[in-house]
Protein backbone atom coordinates (compact mmCIF):
# COMPACT_ATOMS: atom_id res chain seq x y z
CA MET A 1 0.14 -8.33 41.71
CA GLU A 2 0.34 -8.92 38.04
CA ASN A 3 -2.74 -7.92 35.95
CA ASN A 4 -4.26 -10.74 33.77
CA THR A 5 -7.02 -9.01 32.67
CA PRO A 6 -6.84 -8.85 28.89
CA ASN A 7 -7.00 -6.02 27.42
CA PRO A 8 -10.94 -5.71 25.87
CA ILE A 9 -11.92 -6.40 22.15
CA LYS A 10 -11.95 -3.46 19.88
CA GLU A 11 -12.64 -3.04 15.94
CA TYR A 12 -9.10 -2.24 14.16
CA TYR A 13 -8.04 -1.61 10.80
CA ILE A 14 -5.72 -4.37 9.86
CA ALA A 15 -2.76 -4.93 7.97
CA TYR A 16 -1.11 -8.60 7.99
CA PHE A 17 1.49 -9.41 5.07
CA ASP A 18 4.46 -11.97 5.25
CA ILE A 19 8.01 -12.36 2.93
CA LEU A 20 7.54 -14.28 -0.33
CA GLY A 21 9.96 -17.19 -0.57
CA TYR A 22 10.70 -17.00 3.25
CA LYS A 23 10.54 -20.70 3.87
CA ALA A 24 12.23 -21.62 0.47
CA PHE A 25 15.17 -19.64 1.33
CA PHE A 26 15.85 -21.99 4.54
CA ALA A 27 15.09 -24.91 2.36
CA GLU A 28 17.37 -23.99 -0.67
CA THR A 29 20.30 -21.94 1.01
CA PRO A 30 20.79 -22.48 4.84
CA GLU A 31 24.01 -22.13 4.60
CA LYS A 32 22.96 -18.28 4.16
CA ALA A 33 20.82 -17.95 7.19
CA ASN A 34 23.15 -14.96 8.04
CA GLU A 35 23.14 -12.76 5.25
CA PHE A 36 19.30 -13.21 4.68
CA LEU A 37 18.90 -12.59 8.73
CA ASN A 38 20.92 -9.16 8.09
CA ILE A 39 18.52 -8.69 5.05
CA VAL A 40 15.27 -8.94 6.71
CA ASN A 41 16.41 -7.12 10.31
CA SER A 42 16.72 -3.95 7.62
CA ALA A 43 13.33 -4.02 6.32
CA ILE A 44 11.74 -4.71 9.84
CA SER A 45 13.98 -1.99 11.01
CA ASN A 46 12.98 0.86 8.12
CA THR A 47 9.05 -0.12 9.00
CA LEU A 48 9.19 -0.03 12.48
CA ALA A 49 11.25 3.59 12.07
CA THR A 50 8.17 4.13 9.82
CA ILE A 51 5.75 3.30 12.32
CA ASN A 52 7.34 5.35 14.45
CA SER A 53 7.44 8.29 12.54
CA ALA A 54 3.85 7.97 11.97
CA ASN A 55 2.90 7.71 15.59
CA ASP A 56 5.81 10.71 16.61
CA SER A 57 4.03 12.78 13.57
CA PRO A 58 1.51 15.90 15.09
CA LEU A 59 0.09 16.38 11.50
CA ALA A 60 -0.57 12.53 11.47
CA SER A 61 -2.13 12.91 14.78
CA GLN A 62 -4.15 15.68 13.87
CA PHE A 63 -5.21 14.78 10.37
CA ALA A 64 -5.81 10.77 11.15
CA ASN A 65 -5.64 10.67 14.71
CA MET A 66 -3.16 7.26 13.67
CA HIS A 67 -1.74 5.47 16.73
CA ILE A 68 -0.27 1.98 15.03
CA GLN A 69 0.18 -0.82 16.93
CA SER A 70 2.56 -3.75 15.50
CA LYS A 71 3.86 -7.38 15.87
CA ILE A 72 6.39 -8.86 14.50
CA PHE A 73 7.33 -12.32 14.62
CA SER A 74 9.96 -14.04 12.31
CA ASP A 75 8.48 -13.27 8.72
CA ASN A 76 5.01 -11.94 9.96
CA VAL A 77 4.13 -8.56 10.40
CA LEU A 78 1.16 -7.14 11.93
CA LEU A 79 0.00 -3.29 12.21
CA CYS A 80 -3.27 -2.38 12.86
CA ILE A 81 -5.12 0.92 14.30
CA GLU A 82 -8.80 1.32 16.11
CA VAL A 83 -11.42 1.81 14.16
CA GLY A 84 -12.82 5.73 14.97
CA GLU A 85 -16.00 6.84 16.05
CA ASP A 86 -16.36 9.84 14.00
CA LYS A 87 -17.60 8.32 10.21
CA ALA A 88 -16.38 11.41 8.88
CA LYS A 89 -12.67 11.35 9.82
CA GLU A 90 -12.45 7.45 8.66
CA THR A 91 -11.91 7.86 5.13
CA SER A 92 -8.61 9.96 5.51
CA ARG A 93 -7.52 7.83 8.54
CA ILE A 94 -7.87 4.65 6.16
CA ILE A 95 -6.27 6.59 2.98
CA SER A 96 -3.18 7.34 5.64
CA PHE A 97 -2.86 4.17 6.87
CA MET A 98 -2.97 2.75 3.30
CA SER A 99 -0.55 5.23 2.12
CA MET A 100 2.13 3.90 4.70
CA ILE A 101 1.72 0.16 4.28
CA SER A 102 1.94 1.31 0.42
CA ALA A 103 5.41 3.16 1.32
CA ILE A 104 6.73 -0.34 3.78
CA GLN A 105 5.73 -2.14 0.95
CA ARG A 106 7.77 -0.67 -1.61
CA GLY A 107 10.59 -0.04 0.72
CA PHE A 108 10.82 -3.92 1.36
CA ILE A 109 11.05 -4.55 -2.80
CA THR A 110 13.33 -1.79 -3.85
CA GLU A 111 15.59 -1.52 -0.72
CA CYS A 112 15.88 -5.09 0.09
CA GLY A 113 14.79 -7.04 -2.50
CA LEU A 114 11.82 -8.81 -0.37
CA PHE A 115 8.65 -9.14 -1.69
CA LEU A 116 5.43 -9.45 0.63
CA ARG A 117 2.14 -11.05 0.16
CA GLY A 118 -0.63 -10.03 2.36
CA GLY A 119 -4.30 -8.70 3.69
CA PHE A 120 -5.33 -5.64 4.62
CA THR A 121 -8.94 -5.97 6.64
CA LYS A 122 -11.27 -4.58 8.88
CA GLY A 123 -12.19 -6.69 12.17
CA LYS A 124 -12.56 -7.11 16.29
CA MET A 125 -9.59 -8.23 18.11
CA SER A 126 -8.08 -7.57 21.48
CA ILE A 127 -3.91 -6.94 21.22
CA ASN A 128 -1.26 -6.36 24.08
CA ASP A 129 2.22 -6.83 24.51
CA ASP A 130 1.79 -10.97 24.76
CA TYR A 131 -0.94 -12.01 22.35
CA ILE A 132 -3.80 -11.11 19.81
CA PHE A 133 -6.91 -12.49 20.08
CA GLY A 134 -10.03 -12.46 17.65
CA GLU A 135 -11.39 -13.08 14.34
CA GLY A 136 -9.79 -9.89 12.57
CA LEU A 137 -6.30 -11.60 12.90
CA ILE A 138 -8.08 -14.42 11.25
CA LYS A 139 -9.57 -12.48 8.41
CA ALA A 140 -5.98 -10.69 7.32
CA VAL A 141 -4.40 -14.14 7.58
CA GLU A 142 -7.25 -15.76 4.99
CA LEU A 143 -6.78 -12.79 2.81
CA GLU A 144 -3.24 -13.18 2.99
CA GLU A 145 -3.56 -16.99 2.02
CA LYS A 146 -5.84 -16.43 -0.86
CA THR A 147 -4.09 -13.43 -2.59
CA ILE A 148 -1.29 -15.93 -3.76
CA HIS A 149 0.61 -13.15 -5.75
CA PRO A 150 3.02 -10.74 -4.29
CA ARG A 151 0.27 -7.97 -3.15
CA ILE A 152 -1.54 -6.74 -0.20
CA ALA A 153 -5.35 -7.68 -0.88
CA VAL A 154 -7.39 -4.96 0.53
CA SER A 155 -11.04 -6.73 1.94
CA ASP A 156 -14.63 -5.88 0.33
CA GLU A 157 -15.74 -3.80 3.80
CA ILE A 158 -12.48 -1.70 3.22
CA ILE A 159 -13.80 -0.68 -0.17
CA ASP A 160 -17.27 -0.02 0.78
CA ILE A 161 -15.75 2.53 3.48
CA LEU A 162 -13.92 4.36 0.79
CA ASN A 163 -17.16 4.28 -1.78
CA GLN A 164 -19.36 6.10 0.92
CA ASN A 165 -19.56 10.04 1.40
CA ALA A 166 -19.45 10.53 4.96
CA LEU A 167 -18.83 14.55 4.82
CA TYR A 168 -22.25 15.27 3.40
CA SER A 169 -25.86 13.93 2.32
CA GLN A 170 -27.26 13.96 -0.96
CA GLU A 171 -29.82 16.85 0.39
CA GLU A 172 -27.00 19.33 1.64
CA LEU A 173 -25.22 18.93 -1.91
CA ASP A 174 -28.62 19.44 -3.83
CA LYS A 175 -29.02 22.82 -1.16
CA ALA A 176 -26.07 23.10 -1.96
CA ILE A 177 -25.77 23.54 -5.70
CA ILE A 178 -29.38 25.39 -5.64
CA ILE A 179 -27.32 28.21 -3.83
CA GLU A 180 -24.16 28.08 -6.22
CA ASN A 181 -26.70 28.37 -9.23
CA SER A 182 -28.00 31.53 -7.26
CA ILE A 183 -24.91 33.34 -6.59
CA LYS A 184 -23.89 32.47 -10.33
CA SER A 185 -26.90 34.38 -11.45
CA GLY A 186 -26.79 37.49 -9.27
CA ASP A 187 -29.15 36.75 -7.01
CA ALA A 188 -29.05 37.89 -3.13
CA VAL A 189 -27.74 35.00 -0.84
CA SER A 190 -28.30 35.13 3.11
CA ASP A 191 -25.06 34.99 5.21
CA ASP A 192 -26.42 31.47 6.09
CA ASP A 193 -26.82 30.31 2.99
CA SER A 194 -23.44 31.62 1.87
CA ALA A 195 -22.12 29.92 4.81
CA PHE A 196 -23.46 26.76 4.36
CA TYR A 197 -22.50 26.58 0.99
CA GLY A 198 -18.90 27.69 1.60
CA ARG A 199 -18.65 24.68 4.12
CA ILE A 200 -19.93 21.76 1.54
CA LEU A 201 -17.73 23.21 -0.96
CA GLN A 202 -14.90 22.85 1.03
CA LEU A 203 -16.22 19.49 2.38
CA ASN A 204 -16.86 18.68 -1.59
CA ASN A 205 -12.91 19.53 -2.54
CA GLN A 206 -12.17 16.98 0.82
CA PHE A 207 -14.07 14.29 -0.64
CA ARG A 208 -12.41 14.82 -4.20
CA PHE A 209 -9.11 14.42 -2.60
CA GLU A 210 -9.84 11.50 -0.60
CA ARG A 211 -11.48 9.81 -3.67
CA ASN A 212 -8.58 10.67 -5.52
CA MET A 213 -6.18 9.49 -3.27
CA ALA A 214 -7.92 6.07 -3.03
CA LEU A 215 -8.20 5.53 -6.90
CA ASN A 216 -4.39 5.56 -7.32
CA LEU A 217 -3.57 3.76 -3.64
CA LEU A 218 -5.80 1.01 -5.45
CA TYR A 219 -5.34 -1.56 -8.13
CA MET A 220 -7.88 -3.75 -9.65
CA CYS A 221 -5.94 -6.78 -10.67
CA ASP A 222 -6.89 -8.93 -13.84
CA ASP A 223 -8.41 -11.61 -11.24
CA SER A 224 -10.45 -8.78 -10.00
CA VAL A 225 -8.37 -8.88 -6.50
CA ILE A 226 -8.09 -4.76 -5.36
CA CYS A 227 -4.74 -4.92 -3.43
CA LEU A 228 -2.50 -1.75 -3.07
CA SER A 229 -0.89 0.12 -5.49
CA TYR A 230 2.64 0.37 -3.52
CA LEU A 231 4.39 2.28 -6.81
CA TYR A 232 2.28 4.79 -6.37
CA CYS A 233 4.06 7.61 -4.55
CA PHE A 234 1.96 10.88 -2.78
CA ASP A 235 3.79 14.47 -5.02
CA VAL A 236 2.15 17.26 -3.92
CA ARG A 237 2.51 18.70 -6.76
CA SER A 238 -0.25 16.69 -7.83
CA PHE A 239 -2.84 17.82 -5.92
CA ILE A 240 -1.33 21.52 -5.11
CA PRO A 241 -0.73 24.28 -7.97
CA GLU A 242 3.50 24.40 -8.32
CA GLN A 243 3.30 28.56 -7.43
CA ALA A 244 1.72 27.30 -4.47
CA ILE A 245 3.98 24.77 -3.08
CA GLY A 246 6.43 26.72 -1.00
CA GLN A 247 3.28 28.56 0.82
CA ALA A 248 1.52 24.98 1.52
CA LEU A 249 5.91 23.94 2.83
CA GLU A 250 5.81 27.50 4.97
CA MET A 251 2.08 26.28 6.49
CA MET A 252 3.56 23.25 7.31
CA LYS A 253 6.95 24.07 9.26
CA GLN A 254 4.67 26.60 10.88
CA ILE A 255 2.14 24.22 11.86
CA SER A 256 4.85 21.48 12.76
CA PRO A 257 8.29 22.01 12.34
CA SER A 258 9.30 18.42 13.33
CA ASP A 259 6.87 17.08 10.62
CA PHE A 260 8.59 19.19 8.13
CA ASP A 261 11.87 18.37 8.96
CA LYS A 262 11.43 15.01 8.26
CA LEU A 263 9.89 15.74 4.65
CA PRO A 264 12.41 14.72 2.31
CA LYS A 265 14.57 17.46 0.20
CA SER A 266 13.30 16.48 -3.00
CA PHE A 267 9.79 15.08 -4.71
CA PRO A 268 9.42 11.80 -5.05
CA ASN A 269 11.84 10.52 -7.79
CA ILE A 270 9.73 8.05 -9.85
CA ASP A 271 12.25 7.08 -12.39
CA LEU A 272 14.77 6.10 -9.39
CA ILE A 273 11.85 3.96 -8.14
CA LEU A 274 10.42 2.24 -10.99
CA ARG A 275 14.50 1.34 -12.37
CA THR A 276 14.86 -0.36 -9.64
CA HIS A 277 11.48 -2.19 -9.36
CA LYS A 278 12.66 -3.00 -12.82
CA GLN A 279 15.71 -4.59 -12.16
CA ILE A 280 14.90 -6.73 -9.11
CA VAL A 281 11.56 -7.76 -10.85
CA GLU A 282 13.90 -8.98 -14.28
CA GLN A 283 16.37 -10.59 -12.00
CA LYS A 284 13.51 -12.46 -10.03
CA LEU A 285 12.05 -13.77 -13.76
CA ILE A 286 15.23 -14.88 -14.76
CA LYS A 287 16.30 -17.04 -11.77
CA HIS A 288 12.52 -18.55 -11.94
CA SER A 289 12.97 -19.12 -15.59
CA ASP A 290 16.21 -21.12 -15.04
CA TYR A 291 15.15 -25.03 -14.52
CA SER A 292 18.07 -26.13 -15.82
CA SER A 293 19.57 -27.71 -12.25
CA ILE A 294 16.00 -29.39 -11.40
CA GLU A 295 16.47 -33.34 -12.69
CA THR A 296 13.81 -34.20 -15.18
CA LYS A 297 11.95 -37.03 -13.01
CA ASN A 298 11.57 -34.09 -9.95
CA ILE A 299 7.96 -33.32 -11.71
CA LYS A 300 7.33 -31.55 -8.40
CA LEU A 301 9.98 -29.35 -8.49
CA PHE A 302 9.07 -28.00 -11.87
CA ASP A 303 5.64 -27.60 -10.70
CA ALA A 304 6.72 -25.74 -7.43
CA GLN A 305 9.07 -23.30 -9.80
CA GLU A 306 6.52 -22.35 -12.11
CA ARG A 307 4.24 -21.36 -9.75
CA VAL A 308 6.97 -19.36 -8.26
CA LEU A 309 7.86 -17.70 -11.46
CA ARG A 310 3.83 -16.96 -12.44
CA LYS A 311 4.37 -14.79 -9.09
CA PHE A 312 6.70 -12.40 -10.55
CA VAL A 313 4.58 -12.44 -13.94
CA TRP A 314 2.21 -10.65 -11.85
CA SER A 315 4.66 -8.17 -10.65
CA MET A 316 6.04 -7.85 -13.88
CA VAL A 317 2.14 -7.14 -15.52
CA TYR A 318 1.62 -4.87 -12.22
CA HIS A 319 5.02 -2.69 -13.19
CA ASN A 320 4.45 -2.21 -16.62
CA TYR A 321 0.59 -1.03 -15.46
CA MET A 322 2.52 1.80 -13.24
CA CYS A 323 5.14 2.36 -16.14
CA ASP A 324 1.71 3.39 -17.81
CA LYS A 325 0.00 5.64 -15.58
CA TYR A 326 3.63 7.68 -14.88
CA LYS A 327 4.13 7.79 -18.55
CA ARG A 328 7.43 5.79 -18.15
CA PRO A 329 7.45 3.47 -21.47
CA GLU A 330 11.24 3.49 -21.21
CA HIS A 331 10.97 1.37 -17.76
CA TYR A 332 8.91 -1.46 -19.46
CA ILE A 333 9.89 -4.66 -18.45
CA ASN A 334 10.10 -6.21 -22.08
CA THR A 335 9.40 -10.10 -22.01
CA GLN A 336 9.17 -13.18 -24.62
CA GLY A 337 7.17 -16.11 -22.96
CA ASN A 338 8.68 -19.70 -23.89
CA CYS A 339 8.34 -22.99 -22.63
CA GLU A 340 10.41 -25.36 -20.80
CA ARG A 341 11.06 -28.57 -23.33
CA ARG A 342 11.17 -31.43 -20.77
CA HIS A 343 8.13 -30.56 -18.56
CA MET A 344 6.30 -28.00 -20.98
CA LYS A 345 6.54 -25.22 -18.31
CA LEU A 346 6.52 -21.57 -18.63
CA VAL A 347 9.91 -19.26 -18.96
CA ILE A 348 10.13 -15.78 -19.33
CA HIS A 349 13.14 -14.44 -21.53
CA VAL A 350 13.88 -11.02 -20.46
CA ILE A 351 14.55 -8.78 -23.75
CA ASP A 352 17.06 -6.03 -22.86
CA LYS A 353 17.96 -2.78 -25.04
CA GLU A 354 19.43 -4.13 -27.67
CA GLY A 355 16.68 -6.79 -28.46
CA ASN A 356 18.68 -9.94 -26.79
């Protein structure tokens, strides 16, 4: 007999996003559907490969207890993991999940030229092979619909969890500081106090690492929306002294050979990522600043195209912010704003190295 009992409702961290311009593509260029299908298929295949890699990773399982579930339909993608029971591990799980989502978003853009819009939140759902049910999905979809620009907005619930310190209490920290001062003064410290201090010191280092990662993975927009910073790439050299990297990699090889084999053979190529992103965003700015094919009487089309152009102006602002963050001014997108004369709509002129 077929089992029709639904899976129980549980709490999940939920990422939901769709492909920007999907509907417009079929309205404007239906003759290129097969070409577009191949691009979308490539992006989705890469996404599933990333998910499978994370689910099969011994290190990811040990560090963040990741088991990612996915639902993909047309241009809609939902990824989720169950909320864990150990509050002390939740920050690292959320950060690991956000890092993976950001990598997927970056790949959609830099590898396939597809921009995403979505939301990342926490909520209750029931999910099985056939359907998804629950308010968690509704919350994620509402975030996606409100965010407007090509970004994945992060809910206040997620930010609140990231801002909490569940690793140790203020009382424990105060006690550790007293012990540390005693050590610095050369006073005798008991074995129990020494062990306690060592544990809090280790947890404090973990907390600082997690806080640093969270700050790098999030971007505060001008409209006060916090979204995933998809151009941020984790680079171990930012956290481990260069002379210790070899030792850390050897340790990883011993702990999990399969994860070691999946490592890229080189560190993140930030210049290539920024250069590729710049080229794609510039193409979008140029394309949507051209109103020449629209008849003067068709005001609605002028309005619609300007709304799309403003989305990629957001991408340009974020791109230049990341150029500053990485200290790569050579990858700036240089532009000049103007107006389309017939209906005074926004135009963005992209300026090349020669100032043209």
